[in-house]
């Protein structure tokens, strides 16, 4: 209707046209591959690393006294400010984006697993031991179900953090990826492309949110009975 300058806020039709042009040209696929590769690899490594460190810290007090302050410090600072440092250390390739996604996810997962194990009722542990349950039984029947509930509750946030790390790393310095395209759109004052890329990131993250929700309902089906 002409009420808003399209230079600042382009109409939805223009944004849709920009999205269509990205896929018609075919250039978007290499950028999606770069961002998804970095985000999913960082997510997987962060979940595995955080779970391992959380388990060890919860079951070994000396390790907890070492790791907990470090993780608390990393959690207290905005971890995306580490992006330039990772670029200096690891270059502008995939490794620096994976590292940033990893550091964002590993802290969240560490506290989810660490608190999940510490939250286990000690009376339940004693009863399992009284009935002859060894360490493997405790791990399978007590600790893992408790940890899964905590981790699945944080998984959607972890997915968002993983994509944040990948896109921010690409935005700072990269030769491809959605963050690289966002930096290009910003430098050329292209609001249509900027909104189109934001919409694409939002769409893919919401799809992963849905997958995470389905996985949560499957793994925690005992909780919803």
N, C-alpha and C. Protein backbone atom coordinates (compact mmCIF):
# COMPACT_ATOMS: atom_id res chain seq x y z
N UNK A 1 0.82 -1.22 0.00
CA UNK A 1 0.00 0.00 0.00
C UNK A 1 0.85 1.26 0.00
N UNK A 2 2.17 1.09 0.06
CA UNK A 2 3.05 2.25 0.01
C UNK A 2 3.27 2.92 1.34
N UNK A 3 2.83 2.32 2.44
CA UNK A 3 3.00 2.93 3.75
C UNK A 3 4.42 2.75 4.29
N UNK A 4 5.09 1.69 3.84
CA UNK A 4 6.43 1.37 4.34
C UNK A 4 7.40 1.37 3.17
N UNK A 5 8.54 1.97 3.37
CA UNK A 5 9.56 1.99 2.32
C UNK A 5 10.09 0.56 2.12
N UNK A 6 9.96 -0.04 0.93
CA UNK A 6 10.42 -1.42 0.70
C UNK A 6 11.93 -1.58 0.84
N UNK A 7 12.66 -0.48 0.83
CA UNK A 7 14.10 -0.57 1.05
C UNK A 7 14.39 -1.13 2.44
N UNK A 8 13.53 -0.77 3.41
CA UNK A 8 13.72 -1.22 4.79
C UNK A 8 12.93 -2.49 5.10
N UNK A 9 11.72 -2.58 4.59
CA UNK A 9 10.85 -3.73 4.86
C UNK A 9 10.16 -4.14 3.57
N UNK A 10 10.78 -4.99 2.77
CA UNK A 10 10.20 -5.38 1.49
C UNK A 10 8.94 -6.21 1.69
N UNK A 11 8.01 -6.19 0.74
CA UNK A 11 6.76 -6.95 0.88
C UNK A 11 7.04 -8.46 0.83
N UNK A 12 6.14 -9.26 1.41
CA UNK A 12 6.32 -10.73 1.40
C UNK A 12 6.50 -11.30 0.00
N UNK A 13 5.83 -10.71 -0.99
CA UNK A 13 5.97 -11.22 -2.36
C UNK A 13 7.40 -11.08 -2.86
N UNK A 14 8.05 -9.98 -2.51
CA UNK A 14 9.44 -9.77 -2.93
C UNK A 14 10.38 -10.74 -2.20
N UNK A 15 10.09 -10.98 -0.93
CA UNK A 15 10.91 -11.92 -0.15
C UNK A 15 10.75 -13.33 -0.73
N UNK A 16 9.50 -13.71 -1.05
CA UNK A 16 9.26 -15.03 -1.66
C UNK A 16 9.98 -15.14 -3.00
N UNK A 17 9.96 -14.06 -3.77
CA UNK A 17 10.66 -14.06 -5.05
C UNK A 17 12.16 -14.23 -4.87
N UNK A 18 12.70 -13.62 -3.82
CA UNK A 18 14.13 -13.74 -3.54
C UNK A 18 14.49 -15.17 -3.14
N UNK A 19 13.61 -15.81 -2.34
CA UNK A 19 13.84 -17.21 -1.96
C UNK A 19 13.80 -18.10 -3.20
N UNK A 20 12.79 -17.87 -4.05
CA UNK A 20 12.69 -18.66 -5.28
C UNK A 20 13.91 -18.51 -6.16
N UNK A 21 14.42 -17.27 -6.26
CA UNK A 21 15.60 -17.02 -7.10
C UNK A 21 16.83 -17.76 -6.57
N UNK A 22 16.94 -17.85 -5.24
CA UNK A 22 18.07 -18.57 -4.64
C UNK A 22 18.07 -20.04 -5.07
N UNK A 23 16.89 -20.66 -5.06
CA UNK A 23 16.80 -22.08 -5.42
C UNK A 23 16.86 -22.30 -6.92
N UNK A 24 16.32 -21.36 -7.69
CA UNK A 24 16.38 -21.50 -9.15
C UNK A 24 17.82 -21.41 -9.65
N UNK A 25 18.57 -20.48 -9.08
CA UNK A 25 19.98 -20.34 -9.47
C UNK A 25 20.80 -21.56 -9.06
N UNK A 26 20.41 -22.19 -7.97
CA UNK A 26 21.12 -23.37 -7.50
C UNK A 26 22.29 -23.09 -6.60
N UNK A 27 22.67 -21.81 -6.45
CA UNK A 27 23.82 -21.49 -5.60
C UNK A 27 23.54 -21.73 -4.12
N UNK A 28 22.28 -21.72 -3.74
CA UNK A 28 21.94 -21.82 -2.32
C UNK A 28 22.32 -23.18 -1.75
N UNK A 29 22.39 -24.20 -2.58
CA UNK A 29 22.60 -25.56 -2.06
C UNK A 29 23.97 -25.72 -1.40
N UNK A 30 24.99 -25.14 -2.00
CA UNK A 30 26.31 -25.25 -1.38
C UNK A 30 26.37 -24.49 -0.06
N UNK A 31 25.61 -23.39 0.03
CA UNK A 31 25.58 -22.63 1.27
C UNK A 31 24.78 -23.37 2.35
N UNK A 32 23.68 -24.01 1.95
CA UNK A 32 22.92 -24.82 2.90
C UNK A 32 23.77 -25.99 3.40
N UNK A 33 24.50 -26.60 2.48
CA UNK A 33 25.35 -27.73 2.87
C UNK A 33 26.41 -27.29 3.87
N UNK A 34 27.00 -26.13 3.65
CA UNK A 34 28.04 -25.63 4.56
C UNK A 34 27.47 -25.35 5.95
N UNK A 35 26.34 -24.65 5.99
CA UNK A 35 25.75 -24.30 7.29
C UNK A 35 25.23 -25.52 8.02
N UNK A 36 24.51 -26.39 7.30
CA UNK A 36 23.99 -27.59 7.93
C UNK A 36 25.11 -28.50 8.39
N UNK A 37 26.15 -28.64 7.57
CA UNK A 37 27.27 -29.49 7.96
C UNK A 37 27.93 -29.02 9.23
N UNK A 38 28.21 -27.72 9.33
CA UNK A 38 28.86 -27.18 10.52
C UNK A 38 27.94 -27.28 11.74
N UNK A 39 26.65 -26.94 11.56
CA UNK A 39 25.72 -26.94 12.69
C UNK A 39 25.49 -28.36 13.21
N UNK A 40 25.23 -29.31 12.32
CA UNK A 40 24.94 -30.67 12.76
C UNK A 40 26.17 -31.37 13.32
N UNK A 41 27.34 -31.11 12.74
CA UNK A 41 28.56 -31.69 13.29
C UNK A 41 28.88 -31.10 14.66
N UNK A 42 28.73 -29.79 14.79
CA UNK A 42 28.93 -29.16 16.10
C UNK A 42 27.92 -29.63 17.12
N UNK A 43 26.66 -29.83 16.67
CA UNK A 43 25.62 -30.33 17.57
C UNK A 43 25.95 -31.75 18.06
N UNK A 44 26.32 -32.62 17.12
CA UNK A 44 26.64 -34.00 17.50
C UNK A 44 27.83 -34.08 18.45
N UNK A 45 28.90 -33.35 18.12
CA UNK A 45 30.08 -33.37 18.97
C UNK A 45 29.79 -32.73 20.33
N UNK A 46 28.99 -31.66 20.32
CA UNK A 46 28.65 -31.00 21.59
C UNK A 46 27.81 -31.88 22.49
N UNK A 47 26.84 -32.59 21.90
CA UNK A 47 26.01 -33.49 22.70
C UNK A 47 26.85 -34.63 23.28
N UNK A 48 27.71 -35.22 22.43
CA UNK A 48 28.54 -36.33 22.90
C UNK A 48 29.55 -35.87 23.95
N UNK A 49 30.23 -34.75 23.67
CA UNK A 49 31.22 -34.24 24.61
C UNK A 49 30.61 -33.79 25.92
N UNK A 50 29.49 -33.06 25.83
CA UNK A 50 28.82 -32.60 27.05
C UNK A 50 28.30 -33.74 27.88
N UNK A 51 27.74 -34.77 27.22
CA UNK A 51 27.22 -35.93 27.95
C UNK A 51 28.34 -36.67 28.66
N UNK A 52 29.46 -36.87 27.96
CA UNK A 52 30.59 -37.58 28.56
C UNK A 52 31.16 -36.81 29.75
N UNK A 53 31.39 -35.53 29.56
CA UNK A 53 31.94 -34.72 30.65
C UNK A 53 30.97 -34.62 31.82
N UNK A 54 29.67 -34.50 31.51
CA UNK A 54 28.67 -34.43 32.56
C UNK A 54 28.60 -35.70 33.38
N UNK A 55 28.66 -36.85 32.71
CA UNK A 55 28.66 -38.14 33.41
C UNK A 55 29.86 -38.25 34.34
N UNK A 56 31.04 -37.95 33.79
CA UNK A 56 32.26 -38.08 34.59
C UNK A 56 32.24 -37.13 35.78
N UNK A 57 31.82 -35.89 35.54
CA UNK A 57 31.81 -34.91 36.62
C UNK A 57 30.80 -35.28 37.72
N UNK A 58 29.64 -35.81 37.31
CA UNK A 58 28.61 -36.16 38.31
C UNK A 58 29.02 -37.35 39.16
N UNK A 59 29.82 -38.25 38.60
CA UNK A 59 30.20 -39.47 39.32
C UNK A 59 31.59 -39.39 39.96
N UNK A 60 32.33 -38.34 39.64
CA UNK A 60 33.67 -38.17 40.21
C UNK A 60 33.81 -36.74 40.72
N UNK A 61 33.74 -36.57 42.02
CA UNK A 61 33.74 -35.24 42.62
C UNK A 61 34.97 -34.40 42.26
N UNK A 62 36.20 -34.96 42.25
CA UNK A 62 37.36 -34.14 41.87
C UNK A 62 37.25 -33.57 40.46
N UNK A 63 36.69 -34.37 39.54
CA UNK A 63 36.50 -33.88 38.17
C UNK A 63 35.48 -32.75 38.15
N UNK A 64 34.42 -32.89 38.94
CA UNK A 64 33.39 -31.84 39.01
C UNK A 64 33.97 -30.54 39.53
N UNK A 65 34.86 -30.62 40.53
CA UNK A 65 35.46 -29.41 41.08
C UNK A 65 36.35 -28.71 40.05
N UNK A 66 36.86 -29.48 39.09
CA UNK A 66 37.67 -28.90 38.03
C UNK A 66 36.82 -28.35 36.89
N UNK A 67 35.82 -29.12 36.46
CA UNK A 67 35.05 -28.76 35.28
C UNK A 67 33.95 -27.73 35.55
N UNK A 68 33.30 -27.85 36.70
CA UNK A 68 32.13 -26.99 36.95
C UNK A 68 32.47 -25.50 36.87
N UNK A 69 33.56 -25.03 37.48
CA UNK A 69 33.88 -23.59 37.35
C UNK A 69 34.17 -23.18 35.91
N UNK A 70 34.85 -24.07 35.15
CA UNK A 70 35.17 -23.75 33.76
C UNK A 70 33.89 -23.62 32.94
N UNK A 71 32.98 -24.59 33.11
CA UNK A 71 31.73 -24.55 32.37
C UNK A 71 30.87 -23.36 32.80
N UNK A 72 30.88 -23.05 34.09
CA UNK A 72 30.12 -21.90 34.58
C UNK A 72 30.67 -20.60 33.97
N UNK A 73 32.00 -20.52 33.85
CA UNK A 73 32.60 -19.33 33.26
C UNK A 73 32.22 -19.21 31.78
N UNK A 74 32.29 -20.35 31.05
CA UNK A 74 31.90 -20.33 29.64
C UNK A 74 30.43 -19.99 29.47
N UNK A 75 29.61 -20.44 30.42
CA UNK A 75 28.18 -20.16 30.35
C UNK A 75 27.87 -18.70 30.66
N UNK A 76 28.75 -18.07 31.42
CA UNK A 76 28.49 -16.69 31.85
C UNK A 76 28.81 -15.67 30.77
N UNK A 77 29.72 -16.03 29.85
CA UNK A 77 30.09 -15.08 28.81
C UNK A 77 29.29 -15.37 27.54
N UNK A 78 29.04 -14.36 26.73
CA UNK A 78 28.41 -14.62 25.42
C UNK A 78 29.40 -15.34 24.51
N UNK A 79 29.18 -16.63 24.32
CA UNK A 79 30.20 -17.46 23.68
C UNK A 79 30.42 -17.13 22.21
N UNK A 80 29.48 -16.41 21.60
CA UNK A 80 29.69 -16.04 20.19
C UNK A 80 30.85 -15.07 20.02
N UNK A 81 31.28 -14.42 21.12
CA UNK A 81 32.42 -13.51 20.99
C UNK A 81 33.72 -14.29 20.78
N UNK A 82 33.66 -15.62 20.94
CA UNK A 82 34.83 -16.46 20.66
C UNK A 82 35.03 -16.70 19.17
N UNK A 83 34.04 -16.32 18.35
CA UNK A 83 34.12 -16.58 16.91
C UNK A 83 35.39 -16.01 16.28
N UNK A 84 35.76 -14.75 16.54
CA UNK A 84 37.01 -14.25 15.92
C UNK A 84 38.24 -15.05 16.34
N UNK A 85 38.25 -15.53 17.59
CA UNK A 85 39.38 -16.30 18.08
C UNK A 85 39.48 -17.64 17.35
N UNK A 86 38.33 -18.30 17.15
CA UNK A 86 38.33 -19.57 16.42
C UNK A 86 38.74 -19.35 14.96
N UNK A 87 38.36 -18.21 14.39
CA UNK A 87 38.76 -17.91 13.01
C UNK A 87 40.28 -17.79 12.94
N UNK A 88 40.88 -17.11 13.94
CA UNK A 88 42.34 -16.95 13.97
C UNK A 88 43.03 -18.30 14.13
N UNK A 89 42.49 -19.14 15.02
CA UNK A 89 43.12 -20.43 15.31
C UNK A 89 42.92 -21.45 14.19
N UNK A 90 41.68 -21.52 13.66
CA UNK A 90 41.31 -22.62 12.78
C UNK A 90 41.05 -22.21 11.34
N UNK A 91 41.10 -20.91 11.05
CA UNK A 91 40.89 -20.45 9.69
C UNK A 91 39.41 -20.21 9.40
N UNK A 92 39.11 -19.88 8.14
CA UNK A 92 37.74 -19.52 7.76
C UNK A 92 36.95 -20.71 7.24
N UNK A 93 37.54 -21.90 7.31
CA UNK A 93 36.86 -23.09 6.81
C UNK A 93 35.86 -23.67 7.80
N UNK A 94 35.54 -24.95 7.59
CA UNK A 94 34.51 -25.63 8.38
C UNK A 94 34.87 -25.73 9.85
N UNK A 95 36.15 -25.93 10.15
CA UNK A 95 36.57 -26.24 11.53
C UNK A 95 36.17 -25.14 12.51
N UNK A 96 36.34 -23.88 12.15
CA UNK A 96 36.04 -22.78 13.07
C UNK A 96 34.54 -22.69 13.35
N UNK A 97 33.70 -23.00 12.37
CA UNK A 97 32.25 -22.97 12.58
C UNK A 97 31.80 -24.13 13.45
N UNK A 98 32.40 -25.30 13.22
CA UNK A 98 32.09 -26.47 14.06
C UNK A 98 32.52 -26.19 15.50
N UNK A 99 33.67 -25.59 15.66
CA UNK A 99 34.17 -25.30 17.01
C UNK A 99 33.24 -24.35 17.76
N UNK A 100 32.73 -23.33 17.07
CA UNK A 100 31.83 -22.39 17.73
C UNK A 100 30.50 -23.05 18.07
N UNK A 101 29.95 -23.86 17.16
CA UNK A 101 28.73 -24.60 17.46
C UNK A 101 28.96 -25.56 18.62
N UNK A 102 30.11 -26.23 18.60
CA UNK A 102 30.45 -27.18 19.66
C UNK A 102 30.48 -26.50 21.02
N UNK A 103 31.16 -25.37 21.13
CA UNK A 103 31.32 -24.72 22.43
C UNK A 103 29.98 -24.20 22.95
N UNK A 104 29.07 -23.83 22.04
CA UNK A 104 27.75 -23.39 22.46
C UNK A 104 26.92 -24.56 23.00
N UNK A 105 27.05 -25.73 22.36
CA UNK A 105 26.22 -26.89 22.73
C UNK A 105 26.80 -27.64 23.91
N UNK A 106 28.12 -27.76 23.98
CA UNK A 106 28.73 -28.62 25.00
C UNK A 106 28.44 -28.12 26.41
N UNK A 107 28.41 -26.81 26.60
CA UNK A 107 28.15 -26.27 27.94
C UNK A 107 26.72 -26.58 28.36
N UNK A 108 25.78 -26.37 27.45
CA UNK A 108 24.37 -26.66 27.73
C UNK A 108 24.18 -28.14 28.06
N UNK A 109 24.78 -29.02 27.27
CA UNK A 109 24.63 -30.45 27.47
C UNK A 109 25.31 -30.90 28.76
N UNK A 110 26.45 -30.33 29.05
CA UNK A 110 27.16 -30.68 30.28
C UNK A 110 26.28 -30.46 31.50
N UNK A 111 25.67 -29.28 31.60
CA UNK A 111 24.85 -28.98 32.77
C UNK A 111 23.57 -29.82 32.79
N UNK A 112 23.03 -30.14 31.60
CA UNK A 112 21.83 -30.99 31.55
C UNK A 112 22.14 -32.38 32.09
N UNK A 113 23.25 -32.96 31.65
CA UNK A 113 23.63 -34.31 32.11
C UNK A 113 24.07 -34.28 33.56
N UNK A 114 24.88 -33.31 33.90
CA UNK A 114 25.40 -33.19 35.27
C UNK A 114 24.27 -33.04 36.28
N UNK A 115 23.32 -32.14 35.99
CA UNK A 115 22.19 -31.94 36.89
C UNK A 115 21.22 -33.12 36.85
N UNK A 116 21.12 -33.77 35.68
CA UNK A 116 20.24 -34.93 35.57
C UNK A 116 20.68 -36.06 36.46
N UNK A 117 21.98 -36.31 36.51
CA UNK A 117 22.50 -37.38 37.37
C UNK A 117 22.42 -36.99 38.84
N UNK A 118 22.77 -35.76 39.14
CA UNK A 118 22.72 -35.32 40.54
C UNK A 118 21.29 -35.24 41.07
N UNK A 119 20.33 -35.12 40.15
CA UNK A 119 18.93 -35.03 40.55
C UNK A 119 18.32 -36.40 40.86
N UNK A 120 19.04 -37.47 40.54
CA UNK A 120 18.53 -38.82 40.81
C UNK A 120 18.35 -39.02 42.32
N UNK A 121 17.20 -39.56 42.71
CA UNK A 121 16.90 -39.81 44.12
C UNK A 121 17.88 -40.84 44.67
N UNK A 122 18.63 -40.45 45.70
CA UNK A 122 19.62 -41.37 46.29
C UNK A 122 18.96 -42.61 46.87
N UNK A 123 17.69 -42.49 47.32
CA UNK A 123 16.98 -43.66 47.85
C UNK A 123 16.73 -44.69 46.76
N UNK A 124 16.48 -44.22 45.54
CA UNK A 124 16.28 -45.13 44.42
C UNK A 124 17.57 -45.88 44.11
N UNK A 125 18.69 -45.17 44.15
CA UNK A 125 19.99 -45.80 43.91
C UNK A 125 20.27 -46.87 44.96
N UNK A 126 19.99 -46.56 46.23
CA UNK A 126 20.23 -47.52 47.30
C UNK A 126 19.34 -48.74 47.17
N UNK A 127 18.11 -48.55 46.74
CA UNK A 127 17.21 -49.70 46.59
C UNK A 127 17.68 -50.62 45.47
N UNK A 128 18.15 -50.02 44.36
CA UNK A 128 18.66 -50.85 43.27
C UNK A 128 19.87 -51.64 43.72
N UNK A 129 20.76 -51.00 44.48
CA UNK A 129 21.93 -51.69 44.99
C UNK A 129 21.55 -52.79 45.97
N UNK A 130 20.54 -52.53 46.81
CA UNK A 130 20.08 -53.53 47.77
C UNK A 130 19.53 -54.77 47.06
N UNK A 131 18.89 -54.55 45.92
CA UNK A 131 18.33 -55.68 45.16
C UNK A 131 19.37 -56.35 44.27
N UNK A 132 20.62 -55.96 44.40
CA UNK A 132 21.69 -56.63 43.67
C UNK A 132 22.09 -55.96 42.38
N UNK A 133 21.59 -54.79 42.10
CA UNK A 133 21.95 -54.09 40.87
C UNK A 133 23.34 -53.51 40.93
N UNK A 134 24.15 -53.83 39.93
CA UNK A 134 25.51 -53.31 39.86
C UNK A 134 25.58 -51.99 39.12
N UNK A 135 26.79 -51.53 38.83
CA UNK A 135 26.97 -50.25 38.14
C UNK A 135 26.27 -50.20 36.78
N UNK A 136 26.30 -51.29 36.02
CA UNK A 136 25.66 -51.29 34.70
C UNK A 136 24.15 -51.19 34.82
N UNK A 137 23.57 -51.87 35.82
CA UNK A 137 22.12 -51.78 36.03
C UNK A 137 21.73 -50.37 36.44
N UNK A 138 22.52 -49.78 37.33
CA UNK A 138 22.25 -48.40 37.75
C UNK A 138 22.32 -47.45 36.56
N UNK A 139 23.33 -47.67 35.72
CA UNK A 139 23.48 -46.80 34.56
C UNK A 139 22.30 -46.94 33.61
N UNK A 140 21.89 -48.19 33.34
CA UNK A 140 20.83 -48.44 32.35
C UNK A 140 19.45 -48.09 32.87
N UNK A 141 19.18 -48.41 34.14
CA UNK A 141 17.82 -48.31 34.66
C UNK A 141 17.55 -47.02 35.44
N UNK A 142 18.60 -46.37 35.90
CA UNK A 142 18.40 -45.20 36.76
C UNK A 142 18.98 -43.93 36.14
N UNK A 143 20.30 -43.96 35.87
CA UNK A 143 20.96 -42.73 35.44
C UNK A 143 20.56 -42.31 34.02
N UNK A 144 20.61 -43.24 33.07
CA UNK A 144 20.31 -42.88 31.68
C UNK A 144 18.89 -42.36 31.51
N UNK A 145 17.84 -43.02 32.09
CA UNK A 145 16.48 -42.44 31.96
C UNK A 145 16.38 -41.03 32.53
N UNK A 146 17.06 -40.79 33.65
CA UNK A 146 17.03 -39.45 34.24
C UNK A 146 17.74 -38.44 33.35
N UNK A 147 18.89 -38.84 32.81
CA UNK A 147 19.67 -37.94 31.97
C UNK A 147 18.95 -37.65 30.66
N UNK A 148 18.32 -38.68 30.07
CA UNK A 148 17.61 -38.49 28.80
C UNK A 148 16.53 -37.43 28.95
N UNK A 149 15.82 -37.46 30.07
CA UNK A 149 14.76 -36.46 30.30
C UNK A 149 15.34 -35.05 30.33
N UNK A 150 16.48 -34.88 30.99
CA UNK A 150 17.10 -33.56 31.06
C UNK A 150 17.65 -33.13 29.70
N UNK A 151 18.32 -34.05 29.01
CA UNK A 151 18.93 -33.71 27.72
C UNK A 151 17.86 -33.39 26.68
N UNK A 152 16.80 -34.21 26.65
CA UNK A 152 15.75 -33.96 25.65
C UNK A 152 15.06 -32.63 25.93
N UNK A 153 14.98 -32.25 27.18
CA UNK A 153 14.40 -30.94 27.51
C UNK A 153 15.25 -29.79 27.01
N UNK A 154 16.55 -30.05 26.81
CA UNK A 154 17.46 -29.01 26.35
C UNK A 154 17.81 -29.14 24.87
N UNK A 155 17.31 -30.20 24.22
CA UNK A 155 17.74 -30.48 22.85
C UNK A 155 17.33 -29.37 21.87
N UNK A 156 16.11 -28.86 22.02
CA UNK A 156 15.67 -27.81 21.11
C UNK A 156 16.53 -26.55 21.24
N UNK A 157 16.90 -26.24 22.48
CA UNK A 157 17.78 -25.09 22.69
C UNK A 157 19.15 -25.37 22.07
N UNK A 158 19.62 -26.62 22.21
CA UNK A 158 20.92 -26.99 21.65
C UNK A 158 20.92 -26.87 20.12
N UNK A 159 19.81 -27.26 19.49
CA UNK A 159 19.70 -27.13 18.02
C UNK A 159 19.83 -25.66 17.62
N UNK A 160 19.12 -24.80 18.33
CA UNK A 160 19.21 -23.36 18.05
C UNK A 160 20.62 -22.83 18.25
N UNK A 161 21.29 -23.29 19.33
CA UNK A 161 22.66 -22.85 19.59
C UNK A 161 23.61 -23.31 18.50
N UNK A 162 23.41 -24.55 18.02
CA UNK A 162 24.29 -25.09 16.98
C UNK A 162 24.20 -24.24 15.72
N UNK A 163 22.99 -23.87 15.33
CA UNK A 163 22.83 -23.04 14.13
C UNK A 163 23.33 -21.62 14.39
N UNK A 164 23.17 -21.13 15.61
CA UNK A 164 23.71 -19.82 15.95
C UNK A 164 25.22 -19.80 15.75
N UNK A 165 25.88 -20.85 16.26
CA UNK A 165 27.33 -20.92 16.12
C UNK A 165 27.77 -20.97 14.66
N UNK A 166 27.09 -21.80 13.87
CA UNK A 166 27.47 -21.94 12.46
C UNK A 166 27.25 -20.64 11.70
N UNK A 167 26.09 -20.03 11.86
CA UNK A 167 25.76 -18.81 11.11
C UNK A 167 26.63 -17.64 11.55
N UNK A 168 26.83 -17.49 12.87
CA UNK A 168 27.67 -16.38 13.35
C UNK A 168 29.11 -16.55 12.87
N UNK A 169 29.62 -17.79 12.92
CA UNK A 169 30.97 -18.03 12.42
C UNK A 169 31.11 -17.69 10.95
N UNK A 170 30.09 -18.05 10.16
CA UNK A 170 30.11 -17.72 8.73
C UNK A 170 29.98 -16.22 8.52
N UNK A 171 29.21 -15.57 9.37
CA UNK A 171 29.01 -14.13 9.25
C UNK A 171 30.32 -13.38 9.50
N UNK A 172 31.10 -13.89 10.46
CA UNK A 172 32.37 -13.21 10.80
C UNK A 172 33.38 -13.36 9.68
N UNK A 173 33.57 -14.61 9.21
CA UNK A 173 34.53 -14.84 8.13
C UNK A 173 34.27 -16.20 7.51
N UNK A 174 33.95 -16.21 6.22
CA UNK A 174 33.69 -17.46 5.53
C UNK A 174 33.64 -17.19 4.03
N UNK A 175 33.71 -18.27 3.26
CA UNK A 175 33.59 -18.16 1.81
C UNK A 175 32.28 -18.75 1.31
N UNK A 176 31.50 -19.38 2.21
CA UNK A 176 30.18 -19.89 1.84
C UNK A 176 29.39 -20.16 3.11
N UNK A 177 28.08 -20.40 2.93
CA UNK A 177 27.19 -20.62 4.07
C UNK A 177 26.14 -19.52 4.16
N UNK A 178 25.08 -19.78 4.93
CA UNK A 178 24.01 -18.79 5.07
C UNK A 178 24.50 -17.53 5.77
N UNK A 179 25.42 -17.69 6.71
CA UNK A 179 26.00 -16.51 7.37
C UNK A 179 26.80 -15.66 6.40
N UNK A 180 27.51 -16.32 5.49
CA UNK A 180 28.25 -15.59 4.45
C UNK A 180 27.29 -14.80 3.57
N UNK A 181 26.17 -15.43 3.18
CA UNK A 181 25.18 -14.73 2.36
C UNK A 181 24.56 -13.56 3.13
N UNK A 182 24.35 -13.75 4.43
CA UNK A 182 23.81 -12.66 5.25
C UNK A 182 24.79 -11.48 5.30
N UNK A 183 26.07 -11.79 5.44
CA UNK A 183 27.07 -10.72 5.43
C UNK A 183 27.08 -10.00 4.09
N UNK A 184 26.94 -10.77 3.00
CA UNK A 184 26.87 -10.15 1.66
C UNK A 184 25.63 -9.27 1.54
N UNK A 185 24.48 -9.77 2.02
CA UNK A 185 23.24 -8.99 1.94
C UNK A 185 23.36 -7.70 2.75
N UNK A 186 24.01 -7.79 3.90
CA UNK A 186 24.19 -6.59 4.73
C UNK A 186 25.08 -5.58 4.02
N UNK A 187 26.17 -6.06 3.42
CA UNK A 187 27.12 -5.14 2.78
C UNK A 187 26.53 -4.45 1.56
N UNK A 188 25.53 -5.09 0.94
CA UNK A 188 24.89 -4.50 -0.24
C UNK A 188 23.54 -3.86 0.10
N UNK A 189 23.20 -3.79 1.37
CA UNK A 189 21.93 -3.20 1.82
C UNK A 189 20.73 -3.85 1.12
N UNK A 190 20.79 -5.19 1.03
CA UNK A 190 19.74 -5.94 0.35
C UNK A 190 18.79 -6.52 1.39
N UNK A 191 17.73 -5.77 1.71
CA UNK A 191 16.79 -6.22 2.74
C UNK A 191 16.01 -7.45 2.29
N UNK A 192 15.71 -7.53 0.99
CA UNK A 192 14.96 -8.70 0.49
C UNK A 192 15.74 -9.99 0.75
N UNK A 193 17.01 -10.00 0.40
CA UNK A 193 17.84 -11.18 0.59
C UNK A 193 18.03 -11.47 2.08
N UNK A 194 18.15 -10.43 2.87
CA UNK A 194 18.32 -10.62 4.32
C UNK A 194 17.10 -11.31 4.92
N UNK A 195 15.91 -10.80 4.61
CA UNK A 195 14.68 -11.42 5.11
C UNK A 195 14.52 -12.84 4.58
N UNK A 196 14.88 -13.06 3.32
CA UNK A 196 14.78 -14.40 2.73
C UNK A 196 15.67 -15.39 3.47
N UNK A 197 16.89 -14.98 3.78
CA UNK A 197 17.82 -15.87 4.48
C UNK A 197 17.37 -16.13 5.91
N UNK A 198 16.88 -15.09 6.57
CA UNK A 198 16.35 -15.27 7.93
C UNK A 198 15.18 -16.26 7.91
N UNK A 199 14.32 -16.13 6.92
CA UNK A 199 13.18 -17.05 6.80
C UNK A 199 13.66 -18.48 6.56
N UNK A 200 14.69 -18.65 5.72
CA UNK A 200 15.22 -19.99 5.46
C UNK A 200 15.79 -20.61 6.73
N UNK A 201 16.60 -19.84 7.47
CA UNK A 201 17.17 -20.36 8.72
C UNK A 201 16.06 -20.73 9.69
N UNK A 202 15.06 -19.86 9.82
CA UNK A 202 13.94 -20.12 10.72
C UNK A 202 13.19 -21.38 10.32
N UNK A 203 12.96 -21.56 9.03
CA UNK A 203 12.23 -22.73 8.54
C UNK A 203 12.97 -24.03 8.85
N UNK A 204 14.26 -24.06 8.55
CA UNK A 204 15.03 -25.28 8.78
C UNK A 204 15.18 -25.58 10.27
N UNK A 205 15.35 -24.55 11.08
CA UNK A 205 15.47 -24.78 12.53
C UNK A 205 14.15 -25.30 13.09
N UNK A 206 13.02 -24.76 12.60
CA UNK A 206 11.73 -25.24 13.07
C UNK A 206 11.48 -26.69 12.67
N UNK A 207 11.96 -27.09 11.49
CA UNK A 207 11.86 -28.50 11.07
C UNK A 207 12.67 -29.38 12.02
N UNK A 208 13.86 -28.92 12.39
CA UNK A 208 14.67 -29.69 13.33
C UNK A 208 14.04 -29.71 14.72
N UNK A 209 13.38 -28.61 15.10
CA UNK A 209 12.64 -28.59 16.36
C UNK A 209 11.57 -29.67 16.36
N UNK A 210 10.85 -29.79 15.24
CA UNK A 210 9.82 -30.81 15.13
C UNK A 210 10.41 -32.21 15.24
N UNK A 211 11.57 -32.44 14.59
CA UNK A 211 12.23 -33.74 14.69
C UNK A 211 12.68 -34.01 16.12
N UNK A 212 13.20 -32.98 16.79
CA UNK A 212 13.63 -33.14 18.18
C UNK A 212 12.43 -33.46 19.09
N UNK A 213 11.29 -32.80 18.82
CA UNK A 213 10.09 -33.08 19.60
C UNK A 213 9.61 -34.51 19.41
N UNK A 214 9.66 -35.00 18.16
CA UNK A 214 9.26 -36.39 17.88
C UNK A 214 10.19 -37.37 18.57
N UNK A 215 11.50 -37.07 18.56
CA UNK A 215 12.47 -37.93 19.24
C UNK A 215 12.23 -37.93 20.75
N UNK A 216 11.91 -36.76 21.29
CA UNK A 216 11.63 -36.66 22.72
C UNK A 216 10.41 -37.50 23.10
N UNK A 217 9.36 -37.42 22.31
CA UNK A 217 8.15 -38.20 22.61
C UNK A 217 8.43 -39.70 22.51
N UNK A 218 9.33 -40.08 21.59
CA UNK A 218 9.66 -41.50 21.44
C UNK A 218 10.51 -42.00 22.62
N UNK A 219 11.55 -41.26 22.95
CA UNK A 219 12.45 -41.70 24.02
C UNK A 219 11.83 -41.59 25.40
N UNK A 220 10.92 -40.64 25.56
CA UNK A 220 10.29 -40.43 26.88
C UNK A 220 8.83 -40.86 26.86
N UNK A 221 8.50 -41.89 26.02
CA UNK A 221 7.11 -42.33 25.95
C UNK A 221 6.62 -42.87 27.28
N UNK A 222 7.54 -43.39 28.10
CA UNK A 222 7.16 -43.87 29.43
C UNK A 222 6.64 -42.72 30.30
N UNK A 223 7.11 -41.52 29.99
CA UNK A 223 6.74 -40.35 30.80
C UNK A 223 5.35 -39.84 30.46
N UNK A 224 4.87 -40.16 29.24
CA UNK A 224 3.57 -39.63 28.79
C UNK A 224 2.44 -40.66 28.90
N UNK A 225 2.75 -41.81 29.46
CA UNK A 225 1.70 -42.84 29.58
C UNK A 225 0.74 -42.49 30.72
